[in-house]
Amino acid sequence: MKHTVSISALLATIWLANSGHYTGLLLSFGVVSVALVVWVCHRMDVVDHESQPIHLTRHLPRYYSWLVVQIIISNIDVVKRIWLGSSTISPGTRRFPVGQKTDIGRVVYANSINLTPGTISVELSDSEVLVHGLTQANLNDLDAGEMSRRVDQLEK
């Protein structure tokens, strides 16, 4: 039930923000369209804790602010290595264990790796992720486990 209320509120907010018109007729069209979409979602059985992860919502701002800082630091590192030349690049791949308990946690972890320049998730399974790094230092940073620990906190 809470997922239905959450998706209804999200759809109504998006509809109101994009509409810009608040007359009675258009608001009733909005209510009908949101109700129709929610009904279709229920018929398709796609409203659940994975498709609407409201349990992550309260931790997201803290995680996003940390991730933005990591993206900036990684960007600076990649630009520095480009300027210094190919002698500063030592690409490699490594498998890392995935400690997240849910599918969405594993996907957030793999996507966070992709968002930080210099690393990319090549393959994700239930127990590990294969990562390609621009340098061994990038892989060592992941090996330290800070990103995995932060995603674990996000899941709680």
C-alpha atoms as a PDB file:
ATOM      1  CA  MET A   1       0.000   0.000   0.000  1.00  0.00           C
ATOM      2  CA  LYS A   2       2.781   2.465   0.885  1.00  0.00           C
ATOM      3  CA  HIS A   3       4.353   1.857  -2.534  1.00  0.00           C
ATOM      4  CA  THR A   4       1.047   2.703  -4.221  1.00  0.00           C
ATOM      5  CA  VAL A   5       0.765   5.956  -2.279  1.00  0.00           C
ATOM      6  CA  SER A   6       4.400   6.747  -3.040  1.00  0.00           C
ATOM      7  CA  ILE A   7       4.111   6.162  -6.783  1.00  0.00           C
ATOM      8  CA  SER A   8       0.812   8.079  -6.885  1.00  0.00           C
ATOM      9  CA  ALA A   9       2.387  11.073  -5.143  1.00  0.00           C
ATOM     10  CA  LEU A  10       5.422  10.937  -7.438  1.00  0.00           C
ATOM     11  CA  LEU A  11       3.294  10.761 -10.595  1.00  0.00           C
ATOM     12  CA  ALA A  12       1.011  13.567  -9.392  1.00  0.00           C
ATOM     13  CA  THR A  13       4.004  15.773  -8.610  1.00  0.00           C
ATOM     14  CA  ILE A  14       5.536  15.136 -12.030  1.00  0.00           C
ATOM     15  CA  TRP A  15       2.196  15.783 -13.725  1.00  0.00           C
ATOM     16  CA  LEU A  16       1.655  19.049 -11.839  1.00  0.00           C
ATOM     17  CA  ALA A  17       5.209  20.243 -12.502  1.00  0.00           C
ATOM     18  CA  ASN A  18       4.968  19.526 -16.221  1.00  0.00           C
ATOM     19  CA  SER A  19       1.410  20.772 -16.690  1.00  0.00           C
ATOM     20  CA  GLY A  20       1.609  24.292 -15.358  1.00  0.00           C
ATOM     21  CA  HIS A  21      -2.198  24.569 -15.593  1.00  0.00           C
ATOM     22  CA  TYR A  22      -4.327  24.343 -12.472  1.00  0.00           C
ATOM     23  CA  THR A  23      -7.895  24.673 -13.676  1.00  0.00           C
ATOM     24  CA  GLY A  24     -10.530  22.240 -12.507  1.00  0.00           C
ATOM     25  CA  LEU A  25     -10.837  20.403 -15.805  1.00  0.00           C
ATOM     26  CA  LEU A  26      -7.088  19.905 -16.244  1.00  0.00           C
ATOM     27  CA  LEU A  27      -6.608  18.867 -12.623  1.00  0.00           C
ATOM     28  CA  SER A  28      -9.346  16.255 -13.068  1.00  0.00           C
ATOM     29  CA  PHE A  29      -7.562  14.995 -16.200  1.00  0.00           C
ATOM     30  CA  GLY A  30      -4.406  14.732 -14.090  1.00  0.00           C
ATOM     31  CA  VAL A  31      -6.164  12.749 -11.365  1.00  0.00           C
ATOM     32  CA  VAL A  32      -7.669  10.398 -13.943  1.00  0.00           C
ATOM     33  CA  SER A  33      -4.344   9.895 -15.744  1.00  0.00           C
ATOM     34  CA  VAL A  34      -2.446   9.212 -12.500  1.00  0.00           C
ATOM     35  CA  ALA A  35      -5.140   6.758 -11.373  1.00  0.00           C
ATOM     36  CA  LEU A  36      -5.021   5.012 -14.752  1.00  0.00           C
ATOM     37  CA  VAL A  37      -1.217   4.654 -14.647  1.00  0.00           C
ATOM     38  CA  VAL A  38      -1.293   3.340 -11.076  1.00  0.00           C
ATOM     39  CA  TRP A  39      -4.026   0.858 -12.012  1.00  0.00           C
ATOM     40  CA  VAL A  40      -1.990  -0.345 -15.034  1.00  0.00           C
ATOM     41  CA  CYS A  41       1.098  -0.678 -12.825  1.00  0.00           C
ATOM     42  CA  HIS A  42      -0.859  -2.849 -10.391  1.00  0.00           C
ATOM     43  CA  ARG A  43      -2.241  -4.985 -13.208  1.00  0.00           C
ATOM     44  CA  MET A  44       1.334  -5.493 -14.462  1.00  0.00           C
ATOM     45  CA  ASP A  45       2.477  -6.217 -10.882  1.00  0.00           C
ATOM     46  CA  VAL A  46       5.372  -3.747 -11.072  1.00  0.00           C
ATOM     47  CA  VAL A  47       4.705  -1.759  -7.899  1.00  0.00           C
ATOM     48  CA  ASP A  48       6.938  -3.259  -5.217  1.00  0.00           C
ATOM     49  CA  HIS A  49       9.977  -2.479  -3.070  1.00  0.00           C
ATOM     50  CA  GLU A  50      12.352  -2.864  -6.051  1.00  0.00           C
ATOM     51  CA  SER A  51      10.556  -0.605  -8.516  1.00  0.00           C
ATOM     52  CA  GLN A  52       9.696   2.029  -5.919  1.00  0.00           C
ATOM     53  CA  PRO A  53      12.526   1.867  -3.333  1.00  0.00           C
ATOM     54  CA  ILE A  54      11.136   4.333  -0.816  1.00  0.00           C
ATOM     55  CA  HIS A  55      13.292   2.753   1.908  1.00  0.00           C
ATOM     56  CA  LEU A  56      16.349   4.327   0.220  1.00  0.00           C
ATOM     57  CA  THR A  57      14.898   7.829   0.053  1.00  0.00           C
ATOM     58  CA  ARG A  58      16.029   9.169   3.417  1.00  0.00           C
ATOM     59  CA  HIS A  59      19.661   8.112   2.900  1.00  0.00           C
ATOM     60  CA  LEU A  60      19.979   9.275  -0.720  1.00  0.00           C
ATOM     61  CA  PRO A  61      20.972  12.934  -0.140  1.00  0.00           C
ATOM     62  CA  ARG A  62      23.940  11.955   2.028  1.00  0.00           C
ATOM     63  CA  TYR A  63      25.018   9.258  -0.443  1.00  0.00           C
ATOM     64  CA  TYR A  64      24.609  11.527  -3.475  1.00  0.00           C
ATOM     65  CA  SER A  65      26.657  14.295  -1.873  1.00  0.00           C
ATOM     66  CA  TRP A  66      29.464  11.819  -1.129  1.00  0.00           C
ATOM     67  CA  LEU A  67      29.244  10.381  -4.657  1.00  0.00           C
ATOM     68  CA  VAL A  68      29.426  13.835  -6.282  1.00  0.00           C
ATOM     69  CA  VAL A  69      32.650  14.552  -4.383  1.00  0.00           C
ATOM     70  CA  GLN A  70      34.075  11.197  -5.563  1.00  0.00           C
ATOM     71  CA  ILE A  71      33.105  11.977  -9.159  1.00  0.00           C
ATOM     72  CA  ILE A  72      34.869  15.357  -8.989  1.00  0.00           C
ATOM     73  CA  ILE A  73      38.011  13.827  -7.459  1.00  0.00           C
ATOM     74  CA  SER A  74      38.030  11.089 -10.115  1.00  0.00           C
ATOM     75  CA  ASN A  75      37.551  13.629 -12.910  1.00  0.00           C
ATOM     76  CA  ILE A  76      40.539  15.618 -11.690  1.00  0.00           C
ATOM     77  CA  ASP A  77      42.623  12.434 -11.506  1.00  0.00           C
ATOM     78  CA  VAL A  78      41.690  11.370 -15.064  1.00  0.00           C
ATOM     79  CA  VAL A  79      42.432  14.834 -16.480  1.00  0.00           C
ATOM     80  CA  LYS A  80      45.787  14.872 -14.689  1.00  0.00           C
ATOM     81  CA  ARG A  81      46.687  11.483 -16.164  1.00  0.00           C
ATOM     82  CA  ILE A  82      45.679  12.616 -19.647  1.00  0.00           C
ATOM     83  CA  TRP A  83      47.926  15.672 -19.369  1.00  0.00           C
ATOM     84  CA  LEU A  84      50.863  13.668 -17.995  1.00  0.00           C
ATOM     85  CA  GLY A  85      50.666  11.091 -20.784  1.00  0.00           C
ATOM     86  CA  SER A  86      50.256   7.377 -21.156  1.00  0.00           C
ATOM     87  CA  SER A  87      53.099   6.543 -18.770  1.00  0.00           C
ATOM     88  CA  THR A  88      50.773   7.347 -15.831  1.00  0.00           C
ATOM     89  CA  ILE A  89      48.077   4.925 -17.006  1.00  0.00           C
ATOM     90  CA  SER A  90      48.188   1.282 -15.899  1.00  0.00           C
ATOM     91  CA  PRO A  91      44.857  -0.303 -16.839  1.00  0.00           C
ATOM     92  CA  GLY A  92      43.666  -3.522 -15.297  1.00  0.00           C
ATOM     93  CA  THR A  93      40.676  -5.526 -14.220  1.00  0.00           C
ATOM     94  CA  ARG A  94      39.816  -7.006 -10.885  1.00  0.00           C
ATOM     95  CA  ARG A  95      36.882  -8.819  -9.321  1.00  0.00           C
ATOM     96  CA  PHE A  96      35.403  -7.378  -6.147  1.00  0.00           C
ATOM     97  CA  PRO A  97      32.943  -9.072  -3.803  1.00  0.00           C
ATOM     98  CA  VAL A  98      29.479  -7.575  -3.695  1.00  0.00           C
ATOM     99  CA  GLY A  99      28.154  -7.431  -0.148  1.00  0.00           C
ATOM    100  CA  GLN A 100      24.831  -5.788  -0.900  1.00  0.00           C
ATOM    101  CA  LYS A 101      21.792  -7.872   0.003  1.00  0.00           C
ATOM    102  CA  THR A 102      19.286  -6.657  -2.584  1.00  0.00           C
ATOM    103  CA  ASP A 103      19.326  -6.409  -6.355  1.00  0.00           C
ATOM    104  CA  ILE A 104      18.864  -2.662  -6.189  1.00  0.00           C
ATOM    105  CA  GLY A 105      21.830  -2.365  -3.807  1.00  0.00           C
ATOM    106  CA  ARG A 106      24.052  -4.306  -6.198  1.00  0.00           C
ATOM    107  CA  VAL A 107      22.913  -2.160  -9.129  1.00  0.00           C
ATOM    108  CA  VAL A 108      23.506   1.077  -7.193  1.00  0.00           C
ATOM    109  CA  TYR A 109      27.010  -0.158  -6.344  1.00  0.00           C
ATOM    110  CA  ALA A 110      27.830  -1.100  -9.952  1.00  0.00           C
ATOM    111  CA  ASN A 111      26.383   2.159 -11.303  1.00  0.00           C
ATOM    112  CA  SER A 112      28.324   4.175  -8.728  1.00  0.00           C
ATOM    113  CA  ILE A 113      31.497   2.507  -9.995  1.00  0.00           C
ATOM    114  CA  ASN A 114      30.508   3.496 -13.544  1.00  0.00           C
ATOM    115  CA  LEU A 115      29.845   7.103 -12.530  1.00  0.00           C
ATOM    116  CA  THR A 116      33.326   7.640 -11.119  1.00  0.00           C
ATOM    117  CA  PRO A 117      35.657   8.326 -14.063  1.00  0.00           C
ATOM    118  CA  GLY A 118      38.504   5.874 -14.447  1.00  0.00           C
ATOM    119  CA  THR A 119      36.457   2.803 -13.496  1.00  0.00           C
ATOM    120  CA  ILE A 120      33.715   0.826 -15.163  1.00  0.00           C
ATOM    121  CA  SER A 121      31.712  -2.208 -14.097  1.00  0.00           C
ATOM    122  CA  VAL A 122      32.080  -4.819 -16.801  1.00  0.00           C
ATOM    123  CA  GLU A 123      30.065  -7.650 -15.285  1.00  0.00           C
ATOM    124  CA  LEU A 124      27.797  -7.899 -12.253  1.00  0.00           C
ATOM    125  CA  SER A 125      26.669 -11.109 -10.602  1.00  0.00           C
ATOM    126  CA  ASP A 126      25.038 -11.874  -7.253  1.00  0.00           C
ATOM    127  CA  SER A 127      28.379 -12.258  -5.481  1.00  0.00           C
ATOM    128  CA  GLU A 128      30.925 -10.145  -7.377  1.00  0.00           C
ATOM    129  CA  VAL A 129      31.530  -7.354  -9.855  1.00  0.00           C
ATOM    130  CA  LEU A 130      34.249  -7.266 -12.509  1.00  0.00           C
ATOM    131  CA  VAL A 131      35.726  -3.778 -12.733  1.00  0.00           C
ATOM    132  CA  HIS A 132      38.072  -2.284 -15.315  1.00  0.00           C
ATOM    133  CA  GLY A 133      40.201   0.534 -13.976  1.00  0.00           C
ATOM    134  CA  LEU A 134      42.284   3.142 -15.764  1.00  0.00           C
ATOM    135  CA  THR A 135      44.967   2.696 -13.123  1.00  0.00           C
ATOM    136  CA  GLN A 136      45.772   0.235 -10.367  1.00  0.00           C
ATOM    137  CA  ALA A 137      45.191   3.083  -7.903  1.00  0.00           C
ATOM    138  CA  ASN A 138      41.544   3.254  -9.032  1.00  0.00           C
ATOM    139  CA  LEU A 139      41.168  -0.449  -8.335  1.00  0.00           C
ATOM    140  CA  ASN A 140      42.939  -0.124  -4.983  1.00  0.00           C
ATOM    141  CA  ASP A 141      40.479   2.628  -3.987  1.00  0.00           C
ATOM    142  CA  LEU A 142      37.610   0.216  -4.656  1.00  0.00           C
ATOM    143  CA  ASP A 143      39.458  -2.511  -2.792  1.00  0.00           C
ATOM    144  CA  ALA A 144      39.463  -0.280   0.293  1.00  0.00           C
ATOM    145  CA  GLY A 145      35.683  -0.798   0.345  1.00  0.00           C
ATOM    146  CA  GLU A 146      34.464   2.732   1.091  1.00  0.00           C
ATOM    147  CA  MET A 147      31.972   2.770  -1.786  1.00  0.00           C
ATOM    148  CA  SER A 148      30.632  -0.665  -0.873  1.00  0.00           C
ATOM    149  CA  ARG A 149      30.271   0.382   2.757  1.00  0.00           C
ATOM    150  CA  ARG A 150      28.349   3.520   1.759  1.00  0.00           C
ATOM    151  CA  VAL A 151      25.978   1.539  -0.450  1.00  0.00           C
ATOM    152  CA  ASP A 152      25.464  -0.897   2.444  1.00  0.00           C
ATOM    153  CA  GLN A 153      24.459   2.070   4.636  1.00  0.00           C
ATOM    154  CA  LEU A 154      22.102   3.220   1.897  1.00  0.00           C
ATOM    155  CA  GLU A 155      20.325  -0.153   1.952  1.00  0.00           C
ATOM    156  CA  LYS A 156      19.623  -0.032   5.709  1.00  0.00           C
END
